């Protein structure tokens, strides 16, 4: 089996067969830098997937924010996580 390069730098990941779960811990005040970092990692994964002729299903992508109610509400509106120029929805539960 060929080893894949690490495609994410900022996020941590759990790999499940054909699914990947990324997570990233941050303070609410750092939401802009967090958005940039997560989007950068997702771009790397998307680019490598496309190079391998694999497709990412945008309908399966979600962002789940944990924290106190005020922070979660504010971040749900501010975070602009995207894959292939498609906004990934922020959800309250999975």
PDB file of N, CA and C in Angstrom:
ATOM      1  N   UNK A   1       0.846  -1.177   0.000  1.00  0.00           N
ATOM      2  CA  UNK A   1       0.000   0.000   0.000  1.00  0.00           C
ATOM      3  C   UNK A   1       0.892   1.241   0.000  1.00  0.00           C
ATOM      4  N   UNK A   2       0.562   2.190  -0.821  1.00  0.00           N
ATOM      5  CA  UNK A   2       1.295   3.446  -0.902  1.00  0.00           C
ATOM      6  C   UNK A   2       0.846   4.372   0.213  1.00  0.00           C
ATOM      7  N   UNK A   3       1.817   4.996   0.856  1.00  0.00           N
ATOM      8  CA  UNK A   3       1.480   5.965   1.897  1.00  0.00           C
ATOM      9  C   UNK A   3       1.069   7.276   1.254  1.00  0.00           C
ATOM     10  N   UNK A   4      -0.018   7.831   1.742  1.00  0.00           N
ATOM     11  CA  UNK A   4      -0.440   9.148   1.273  1.00  0.00           C
ATOM     12  C   UNK A   4       0.301  10.220   2.053  1.00  0.00           C
ATOM     13  N   UNK A   5       0.623  11.320   1.414  1.00  0.00           N
ATOM     14  CA  UNK A   5       1.247  12.420   2.155  1.00  0.00           C
ATOM     15  C   UNK A   5       0.239  13.031   3.122  1.00  0.00           C
ATOM     16  N   UNK A   6       0.741  13.642   4.175  1.00  0.00           N
ATOM     17  CA  UNK A   6      -0.150  14.339   5.098  1.00  0.00           C
ATOM     18  C   UNK A   6      -0.633  15.594   4.384  1.00  0.00           C
ATOM     19  N   UNK A   7      -1.932  15.678   4.206  1.00  0.00           N
ATOM     20  CA  UNK A   7      -2.513  16.765   3.423  1.00  0.00           C
ATOM     21  C   UNK A   7      -3.011  17.899   4.294  1.00  0.00           C
ATOM     22  N   UNK A   8      -3.095  17.672   5.579  1.00  0.00           N
ATOM     23  CA  UNK A   8      -3.594  18.706   6.464  1.00  0.00           C
ATOM     24  C   UNK A   8      -2.485  19.067   7.435  1.00  0.00           C
ATOM     25  N   UNK A   9      -2.362  20.346   7.693  1.00  0.00           N
ATOM     26  CA  UNK A   9      -1.300  20.860   8.548  1.00  0.00           C
ATOM     27  C   UNK A   9      -1.865  21.341   9.873  1.00  0.00           C
ATOM     28  N   UNK A  10      -2.991  22.006   9.831  1.00  0.00           N
ATOM     29  CA  UNK A  10      -3.565  22.633  11.019  1.00  0.00           C
ATOM     30  C   UNK A  10      -4.574  21.736  11.726  1.00  0.00           C
ATOM     31  N   UNK A  11      -5.372  21.048  10.968  1.00  0.00           N
ATOM     32  CA  UNK A  11      -6.431  20.215  11.543  1.00  0.00           C
ATOM     33  C   UNK A  11      -5.877  18.870  11.986  1.00  0.00           C
ATOM     34  N   UNK A  12      -6.561  18.270  12.907  1.00  0.00           N
ATOM     35  CA  UNK A  12      -6.316  16.868  13.248  1.00  0.00           C
ATOM     36  C   UNK A  12      -7.393  16.082  12.526  1.00  0.00           C
ATOM     37  N   UNK A  13      -7.164  14.793  12.350  1.00  0.00           N
ATOM     38  CA  UNK A  13      -8.129  14.016  11.571  1.00  0.00           C
ATOM     39  C   UNK A  13      -8.299  12.613  12.129  1.00  0.00           C
ATOM     40  N   UNK A  14      -9.491  12.100  11.960  1.00  0.00           N
ATOM     41  CA  UNK A  14      -9.807  10.691  12.184  1.00  0.00           C
ATOM     42  C   UNK A  14     -10.191  10.128  10.828  1.00  0.00           C
ATOM     43  N   UNK A  15      -9.619   8.999  10.476  1.00  0.00           N
ATOM     44  CA  UNK A  15      -9.913   8.367   9.196  1.00  0.00           C
ATOM     45  C   UNK A  15     -10.776   7.137   9.437  1.00  0.00           C
ATOM     46  N   UNK A  16     -11.858   7.037   8.696  1.00  0.00           N
ATOM     47  CA  UNK A  16     -12.785   5.918   8.790  1.00  0.00           C
ATOM     48  C   UNK A  16     -13.053   5.404   7.384  1.00  0.00           C
ATOM     49  N   UNK A  17     -12.402   4.311   6.986  1.00  0.00           N
ATOM     50  CA  UNK A  17     -12.584   3.731   5.652  1.00  0.00           C
ATOM     51  C   UNK A  17     -12.516   4.840   4.602  1.00  0.00           C
ATOM     52  N   UNK A  18     -13.647   5.242   4.062  1.00  0.00           N
ATOM     53  CA  UNK A  18     -13.650   6.268   3.016  1.00  0.00           C
ATOM     54  C   UNK A  18     -14.067   7.635   3.538  1.00  0.00           C
ATOM     55  N   UNK A  19     -14.203   7.768   4.837  1.00  0.00           N
ATOM     56  CA  UNK A  19     -14.605   9.045   5.427  1.00  0.00           C
ATOM     57  C   UNK A  19     -13.466   9.634   6.248  1.00  0.00           C
ATOM     58  N   UNK A  20     -13.453  10.942   6.340  1.00  0.00           N
ATOM     59  CA  UNK A  20     -12.469  11.654   7.152  1.00  0.00           C
ATOM     60  C   UNK A  20     -13.210  12.652   8.019  1.00  0.00           C
ATOM     61  N   UNK A  21     -12.815  12.724   9.273  1.00  0.00           N
ATOM     62  CA  UNK A  21     -13.388  13.700  10.200  1.00  0.00           C
ATOM     63  C   UNK A  21     -12.241  14.600  10.657  1.00  0.00           C
ATOM     64  N   UNK A  22     -12.332  15.881  10.329  1.00  0.00           N
ATOM     65  CA  UNK A  22     -11.330  16.846  10.765  1.00  0.00           C
ATOM     66  C   UNK A  22     -11.823  17.550  12.013  1.00  0.00           C
ATOM     67  N   UNK A  23     -10.906  17.897  12.882  1.00  0.00           N
ATOM     68  CA  UNK A  23     -11.286  18.724  14.016  1.00  0.00           C
ATOM     69  C   UNK A  23     -10.165  19.710  14.312  1.00  0.00           C
ATOM     70  N   UNK A  24     -10.584  20.842  14.862  1.00  0.00           N
ATOM     71  CA  UNK A  24      -9.648  21.930  15.115  1.00  0.00           C
ATOM     72  C   UNK A  24     -10.139  22.694  16.334  1.00  0.00           C
ATOM     73  N   UNK A  25      -9.287  22.839  17.315  1.00  0.00           N
ATOM     74  CA  UNK A  25      -9.639  23.546  18.543  1.00  0.00           C
ATOM     75  C   UNK A  25      -9.127  24.988  18.455  1.00  0.00           C
ATOM     76  N   UNK A  26      -9.997  25.932  18.822  1.00  0.00           N
ATOM     77  CA  UNK A  26      -9.604  27.336  18.729  1.00  0.00           C
ATOM     78  C   UNK A  26     -10.455  28.184  19.667  1.00  0.00           C
ATOM     79  N   UNK A  27      -9.974  29.380  19.933  1.00  0.00           N
ATOM     80  CA  UNK A  27     -10.742  30.350  20.709  1.00  0.00           C
ATOM     81  C   UNK A  27     -11.637  31.128  19.752  1.00  0.00           C
ATOM     82  N   UNK A  28     -12.823  31.463  20.206  1.00  0.00           N
ATOM     83  CA  UNK A  28     -13.797  32.153  19.350  1.00  0.00           C
ATOM     84  C   UNK A  28     -13.222  33.431  18.746  1.00  0.00           C
ATOM     85  N   UNK A  29     -12.385  34.118  19.475  1.00  0.00           N
ATOM     86  CA  UNK A  29     -11.814  35.372  18.980  1.00  0.00           C
ATOM     87  C   UNK A  29     -10.914  35.142  17.757  1.00  0.00           C
ATOM     88  N   UNK A  30     -10.418  33.908  17.595  1.00  0.00           N
ATOM     89  CA  UNK A  30      -9.512  33.580  16.489  1.00  0.00           C
ATOM     90  C   UNK A  30     -10.241  33.003  15.277  1.00  0.00           C
ATOM     91  N   UNK A  31     -11.506  33.310  15.119  1.00  0.00           N
ATOM     92  CA  UNK A  31     -12.311  32.669  14.077  1.00  0.00           C
ATOM     93  C   UNK A  31     -11.820  32.953  12.662  1.00  0.00           C
ATOM     94  N   UNK A  32     -11.270  34.136  12.410  1.00  0.00           N
ATOM     95  CA  UNK A  32     -10.807  34.451  11.045  1.00  0.00           C
ATOM     96  C   UNK A  32      -9.592  33.601  10.672  1.00  0.00           C
ATOM     97  N   UNK A  33      -8.632  33.510  11.564  1.00  0.00           N
ATOM     98  CA  UNK A  33      -7.446  32.683  11.317  1.00  0.00           C
ATOM     99  C   UNK A  33      -7.836  31.210  11.232  1.00  0.00           C
ATOM    100  N   UNK A  34      -8.777  30.810  12.063  1.00  0.00           N
ATOM    101  CA  UNK A  34      -9.267  29.430  12.035  1.00  0.00           C
ATOM    102  C   UNK A  34      -9.891  29.112  10.687  1.00  0.00           C
ATOM    103  N   UNK A  35     -10.717  30.005  10.186  1.00  0.00           N
ATOM    104  CA  UNK A  35     -11.346  29.807   8.878  1.00  0.00           C
ATOM    105  C   UNK A  35     -10.282  29.647   7.801  1.00  0.00           C
ATOM    106  N   UNK A  36      -9.281  30.484   7.827  1.00  0.00           N
ATOM    107  CA  UNK A  36      -8.201  30.413   6.833  1.00  0.00           C
ATOM    108  C   UNK A  36      -7.476  29.069   6.913  1.00  0.00           C
ATOM    109  N   UNK A  37      -7.148  28.656   8.120  1.00  0.00           N
ATOM    110  CA  UNK A  37      -6.395  27.408   8.292  1.00  0.00           C
ATOM    111  C   UNK A  37      -7.194  26.181   7.858  1.00  0.00           C
ATOM    112  N   UNK A  38      -8.444  26.125   8.268  1.00  0.00           N
ATOM    113  CA  UNK A  38      -9.277  24.977   7.894  1.00  0.00           C
ATOM    114  C   UNK A  38      -9.463  24.941   6.381  1.00  0.00           C
ATOM    115  N   UNK A  39      -9.741  26.091   5.782  1.00  0.00           N
ATOM    116  CA  UNK A  39      -9.915  26.137   4.327  1.00  0.00           C
ATOM    117  C   UNK A  39      -8.639  25.729   3.591  1.00  0.00           C
ATOM    118  N   UNK A  40      -7.499  26.096   4.133  1.00  0.00           N
ATOM    119  CA  UNK A  40      -6.226  25.716   3.522  1.00  0.00           C
ATOM    120  C   UNK A  40      -6.058  24.191   3.544  1.00  0.00           C
ATOM    121  N   UNK A  41      -6.347  23.578   4.681  1.00  0.00           N
ATOM    122  CA  UNK A  41      -6.247  22.120   4.770  1.00  0.00           C
ATOM    123  C   UNK A  41      -7.250  21.439   3.843  1.00  0.00           C
ATOM    124  N   UNK A  42      -8.461  21.955   3.794  1.00  0.00           N
ATOM    125  CA  UNK A  42      -9.472  21.360   2.918  1.00  0.00           C
ATOM    126  C   UNK A  42      -9.090  21.503   1.446  1.00  0.00           C
ATOM    127  N   UNK A  43      -8.477  22.617   1.091  1.00  0.00           N
ATOM    128  CA  UNK A  43      -8.015  22.800  -0.285  1.00  0.00           C
ATOM    129  C   UNK A  43      -6.956  21.755  -0.634  1.00  0.00           C
ATOM    130  N   UNK A  44      -6.045  21.489   0.289  1.00  0.00           N
ATOM    131  CA  UNK A  44      -5.023  20.462   0.055  1.00  0.00           C
ATOM    132  C   UNK A  44      -5.658  19.095  -0.175  1.00  0.00           C
ATOM    133  N   UNK A  45      -6.625  18.745   0.653  1.00  0.00           N
ATOM    134  CA  UNK A  45      -7.304  17.454   0.513  1.00  0.00           C
ATOM    135  C   UNK A  45      -8.073  17.405  -0.805  1.00  0.00           C
ATOM    136  N   UNK A  46      -8.780  18.478  -1.125  1.00  0.00           N
ATOM    137  CA  UNK A  46      -9.551  18.530  -2.368  1.00  0.00           C
ATOM    138  C   UNK A  46      -8.630  18.398  -3.584  1.00  0.00           C
ATOM    139  N   UNK A  47      -7.524  19.116  -3.576  1.00  0.00           N
ATOM    140  CA  UNK A  47      -6.594  19.085  -4.708  1.00  0.00           C
ATOM    141  C   UNK A  47      -6.000  17.696  -4.905  1.00  0.00           C
ATOM    142  N   UNK A  48      -5.591  17.057  -3.813  1.00  0.00           N
ATOM    143  CA  UNK A  48      -5.028  15.712  -3.920  1.00  0.00           C
ATOM    144  C   UNK A  48      -6.091  14.722  -4.381  1.00  0.00           C
ATOM    145  N   UNK A  49      -7.294  14.862  -3.877  1.00  0.00           N
ATOM    146  CA  UNK A  49      -8.386  13.975  -4.292  1.00  0.00           C
ATOM    147  C   UNK A  49      -8.643  14.118  -5.787  1.00  0.00           C
ATOM    148  N   UNK A  50      -8.687  15.341  -6.261  1.00  0.00           N
ATOM    149  CA  UNK A  50      -8.917  15.578  -7.689  1.00  0.00           C
ATOM    150  C   UNK A  50      -7.782  14.989  -8.523  1.00  0.00           C
ATOM    151  N   UNK A  51      -6.550  15.118  -8.049  1.00  0.00           N
ATOM    152  CA  UNK A  51      -5.405  14.564  -8.775  1.00  0.00           C
ATOM    153  C   UNK A  51      -5.483  13.041  -8.859  1.00  0.00           C
ATOM    154  N   UNK A  52      -6.096  12.420  -7.867  1.00  0.00           N
ATOM    155  CA  UNK A  52      -6.259  10.961  -7.848  1.00  0.00           C
ATOM    156  C   UNK A  52      -7.586  10.519  -8.462  1.00  0.00           C
ATOM    157  N   UNK A  53      -8.292  11.478  -9.073  1.00  0.00           N
ATOM    158  CA  UNK A  53      -9.601  11.233  -9.700  1.00  0.00           C
ATOM    159  C   UNK A  53     -10.642  10.750  -8.693  1.00  0.00           C
ATOM    160  N   UNK A  54     -10.540  11.244  -7.474  1.00  0.00           N
ATOM    161  CA  UNK A  54     -11.523  10.961  -6.435  1.00  0.00           C
ATOM    162  C   UNK A  54     -12.397  12.189  -6.255  1.00  0.00           C
ATOM    163  N   UNK A  55     -13.649  11.964  -5.935  1.00  0.00           N
ATOM    164  CA  UNK A  55     -14.572  13.080  -5.745  1.00  0.00           C
ATOM    165  C   UNK A  55     -14.947  13.216  -4.277  1.00  0.00           C
ATOM    166  N   UNK A  56     -15.023  14.449  -3.833  1.00  0.00           N
ATOM    167  CA  UNK A  56     -15.538  14.752  -2.500  1.00  0.00           C
ATOM    168  C   UNK A  56     -17.006  15.100  -2.676  1.00  0.00           C
ATOM    169  N   UNK A  57     -17.847  14.460  -1.904  1.00  0.00           N
ATOM    170  CA  UNK A  57     -19.290  14.689  -1.999  1.00  0.00           C
ATOM    171  C   UNK A  57     -19.667  15.879  -1.121  1.00  0.00           C
ATOM    172  N   UNK A  58     -19.926  17.057  -1.711  1.00  0.00           N
ATOM    173  CA  UNK A  58     -20.235  18.244  -0.914  1.00  0.00           C
ATOM    174  C   UNK A  58     -21.488  18.082  -0.062  1.00  0.00           C
ATOM    175  N   UNK A  59     -22.403  17.224  -0.470  1.00  0.00           N
ATOM    176  CA  UNK A  59     -23.639  17.026   0.294  1.00  0.00           C
ATOM    177  C   UNK A  59     -23.375  16.357   1.641  1.00  0.00           C
ATOM    178  N   UNK A  60     -22.210  15.734   1.797  1.00  0.00           N
ATOM    179  CA  UNK A  60     -21.892  15.049   3.050  1.00  0.00           C
ATOM    180  C   UNK A  60     -21.038  15.902   3.990  1.00  0.00           C
ATOM    181  N   UNK A  61     -20.659  17.082   3.559  1.00  0.00           N
ATOM    182  CA  UNK A  61     -19.788  17.927   4.376  1.00  0.00           C
ATOM    183  C   UNK A  61     -20.599  18.762   5.349  1.00  0.00           C
ATOM    184  N   UNK A  62     -20.106  18.854   6.578  1.00  0.00           N
ATOM    185  CA  UNK A  62     -20.758  19.657   7.614  1.00  0.00           C
ATOM    186  C   UNK A  62     -19.704  20.218   8.553  1.00  0.00           C
ATOM    187  N   UNK A  63     -20.024  21.350   9.151  1.00  0.00           N
ATOM    188  CA  UNK A  63     -19.205  21.934  10.205  1.00  0.00           C
ATOM    189  C   UNK A  63     -20.038  21.887  11.474  1.00  0.00           C
ATOM    190  N   UNK A  64     -19.458  21.360  12.529  1.00  0.00           N
ATOM    191  CA  UNK A  64     -20.127  21.292  13.829  1.00  0.00           C
ATOM    192  C   UNK A  64     -19.256  22.045  14.825  1.00  0.00           C
ATOM    193  N   UNK A  65     -19.819  23.068  15.463  1.00  0.00           N
ATOM    194  CA  UNK A  65     -19.079  23.915  16.401  1.00  0.00           C
ATOM    195  C   UNK A  65     -19.506  23.569  17.823  1.00  0.00           C
ATOM    196  N   UNK A  66     -18.523  23.356  18.690  1.00  0.00           N
ATOM    197  CA  UNK A  66     -18.780  23.092  20.102  1.00  0.00           C
ATOM    198  C   UNK A  66     -18.351  24.300  20.919  1.00  0.00           C
ATOM    199  N   UNK A  67     -19.087  24.606  21.964  1.00  0.00           N
ATOM    200  CA  UNK A  67     -18.737  25.714  22.845  1.00  0.00           C
ATOM    201  C   UNK A  67     -19.974  26.205  23.557  1.00  0.00           C
ATOM    202  N   UNK A  68     -19.849  27.345  24.239  1.00  0.00           N
ATOM    203  CA  UNK A  68     -21.035  27.885  24.901  1.00  0.00           C
ATOM    204  C   UNK A  68     -21.991  28.438  23.844  1.00  0.00           C
ATOM    205  N   UNK A  69     -23.228  28.597  24.218  1.00  0.00           N
ATOM    206  CA  UNK A  69     -24.285  28.968  23.267  1.00  0.00           C
ATOM    207  C   UNK A  69     -23.970  30.252  22.501  1.00  0.00           C
ATOM    208  N   UNK A  70     -23.503  31.286  23.203  1.00  0.00           N
ATOM    209  CA  UNK A  70     -23.220  32.559  22.531  1.00  0.00           C
ATOM    210  C   UNK A  70     -22.110  32.415  21.489  1.00  0.00           C
ATOM    211  N   UNK A  71     -21.050  31.709  21.864  1.00  0.00           N
ATOM    212  CA  UNK A  71     -19.940  31.508  20.918  1.00  0.00           C
ATOM    213  C   UNK A  71     -20.372  30.690  19.715  1.00  0.00           C
ATOM    214  N   UNK A  72     -21.121  29.627  19.967  1.00  0.00           N
ATOM    215  CA  UNK A  72     -21.581  28.771  18.870  1.00  0.00           C
ATOM    216  C   UNK A  72     -22.468  29.561  17.915  1.00  0.00           C
ATOM    217  N   UNK A  73     -23.389  30.347  18.458  1.00  0.00           N
ATOM    218  CA  UNK A  73     -24.277  31.152  17.606  1.00  0.00           C
ATOM    219  C   UNK A  73     -23.489  32.152  16.767  1.00  0.00           C
ATOM    220  N   UNK A  74     -22.544  32.842  17.395  1.00  0.00           N
ATOM    221  CA  UNK A  74     -21.745  33.832  16.669  1.00  0.00           C
ATOM    222  C   UNK A  74     -20.880  33.163  15.602  1.00  0.00           C
ATOM    223  N   UNK A  75     -20.238  32.062  15.964  1.00  0.00           N
ATOM    224  CA  UNK A  75     -19.359  31.382  15.016  1.00  0.00           C
ATOM    225  C   UNK A  75     -20.130  30.756  13.864  1.00  0.00           C
ATOM    226  N   UNK A  76     -21.325  30.310  14.129  1.00  0.00           N
ATOM    227  CA  UNK A  76     -22.140  29.703  13.072  1.00  0.00           C
ATOM    228  C   UNK A  76     -22.396  30.689  11.944  1.00  0.00           C
ATOM    229  N   UNK A  77     -22.476  31.965  12.285  1.00  0.00           N
ATOM    230  CA  UNK A  77     -22.700  32.999  11.275  1.00  0.00           C
ATOM    231  C   UNK A  77     -21.399  33.459  10.625  1.00  0.00           C
ATOM    232  N   UNK A  78     -20.295  33.404  11.359  1.00  0.00           N
ATOM    233  CA  UNK A  78     -19.035  33.970  10.872  1.00  0.00           C
ATOM    234  C   UNK A  78     -18.178  32.994  10.071  1.00  0.00           C
ATOM    235  N   UNK A  79     -18.135  31.742  10.486  1.00  0.00           N
ATOM    236  CA  UNK A  79     -17.252  30.789   9.823  1.00  0.00           C
ATOM    237  C   UNK A  79     -17.659  30.603   8.364  1.00  0.00           C
ATOM    238  N   UNK A  80     -16.703  30.702   7.482  1.00  0.00           N
ATOM    239  CA  UNK A  80     -16.950  30.531   6.051  1.00  0.00           C
ATOM    240  C   UNK A  80     -16.035  29.416   5.547  1.00  0.00           C
ATOM    241  N   UNK A  81     -16.401  28.190   5.880  1.00  0.00           N
ATOM    242  CA  UNK A  81     -15.627  27.025   5.482  1.00  0.00           C
ATOM    243  C   UNK A  81     -16.113  26.605   4.100  1.00  0.00           C
ATOM    244  N   UNK A  82     -15.156  26.397   3.177  1.00  0.00           N
ATOM    245  CA  UNK A  82     -15.520  26.090   1.790  1.00  0.00           C
ATOM    246  C   UNK A  82     -14.680  24.948   1.233  1.00  0.00           C
ATOM    247  N   UNK A  83     -15.289  24.220   0.312  1.00  0.00           N
ATOM    248  CA  UNK A  83     -14.585  23.215  -0.484  1.00  0.00           C
ATOM    249  C   UNK A  83     -15.001  23.436  -1.932  1.00  0.00           C
ATOM    250  N   UNK A  84     -14.023  23.651  -2.785  1.00  0.00           N
ATOM    251  CA  UNK A  84     -14.282  23.894  -4.204  1.00  0.00           C
ATOM    252  C   UNK A  84     -15.281  25.040  -4.397  1.00  0.00           C
ATOM    253  N   UNK A  85     -15.094  26.101  -3.647  1.00  0.00           N
ATOM    254  CA  UNK A  85     -15.941  27.298  -3.700  1.00  0.00           C
ATOM    255  C   UNK A  85     -17.382  27.062  -3.272  1.00  0.00           C
ATOM    256  N   UNK A  86     -17.645  25.959  -2.604  1.00  0.00           N
ATOM    257  CA  UNK A  86     -18.970  25.680  -2.053  1.00  0.00           C
ATOM    258  C   UNK A  86     -18.901  25.805  -0.541  1.00  0.00           C
ATOM    259  N   UNK A  87     -19.802  26.608   0.016  1.00  0.00           N
ATOM    260  CA  UNK A  87     -19.828  26.811   1.463  1.00  0.00           C
ATOM    261  C   UNK A  87     -20.302  25.537   2.156  1.00  0.00           C
ATOM    262  N   UNK A  88     -19.567  25.137   3.181  1.00  0.00           N
ATOM    263  CA  UNK A  88     -19.935  23.966   3.970  1.00  0.00           C
ATOM    264  C   UNK A  88     -20.874  24.446   5.074  1.00  0.00           C
ATOM    265  N   UNK A  89     -22.058  23.839   5.199  1.00  0.00           N
ATOM    266  CA  UNK A  89     -23.022  24.316   6.191  1.00  0.00           C
ATOM    267  C   UNK A  89     -22.576  24.043   7.624  1.00  0.00           C
ATOM    268  N   UNK A  90     -22.881  24.997   8.501  1.00  0.00           N
ATOM    269  CA  UNK A  90     -22.673  24.815   9.938  1.00  0.00           C
ATOM    270  C   UNK A  90     -23.958  24.215  10.481  1.00  0.00           C
ATOM    271  N   UNK A  91     -23.842  23.095  11.195  1.00  0.00           N
ATOM    272  CA  UNK A  91     -25.012  22.391  11.714  1.00  0.00           C
ATOM    273  C   UNK A  91     -24.979  22.369  13.236  1.00  0.00           C
ATOM    274  N   UNK A  92     -26.157  22.174  13.848  1.00  0.00           N
ATOM    275  CA  UNK A  92     -26.257  22.129  15.307  1.00  0.00           C
ATOM    276  C   UNK A  92     -26.011  20.728  15.850  1.00  0.00           C
ATOM    277  N   UNK A  93     -26.244  19.713  15.031  1.00  0.00           N
ATOM    278  CA  UNK A  93     -26.016  18.327  15.458  1.00  0.00           C
ATOM    279  C   UNK A  93     -25.858  17.450  14.226  1.00  0.00           C
ATOM    280  N   UNK A  94     -25.339  16.249  14.460  1.00  0.00           N
ATOM    281  CA  UNK A  94     -25.192  15.287  13.356  1.00  0.00           C
ATOM    282  C   UNK A  94     -25.938  14.011  13.676  1.00  0.00           C
TER     283      UNK A  94
END
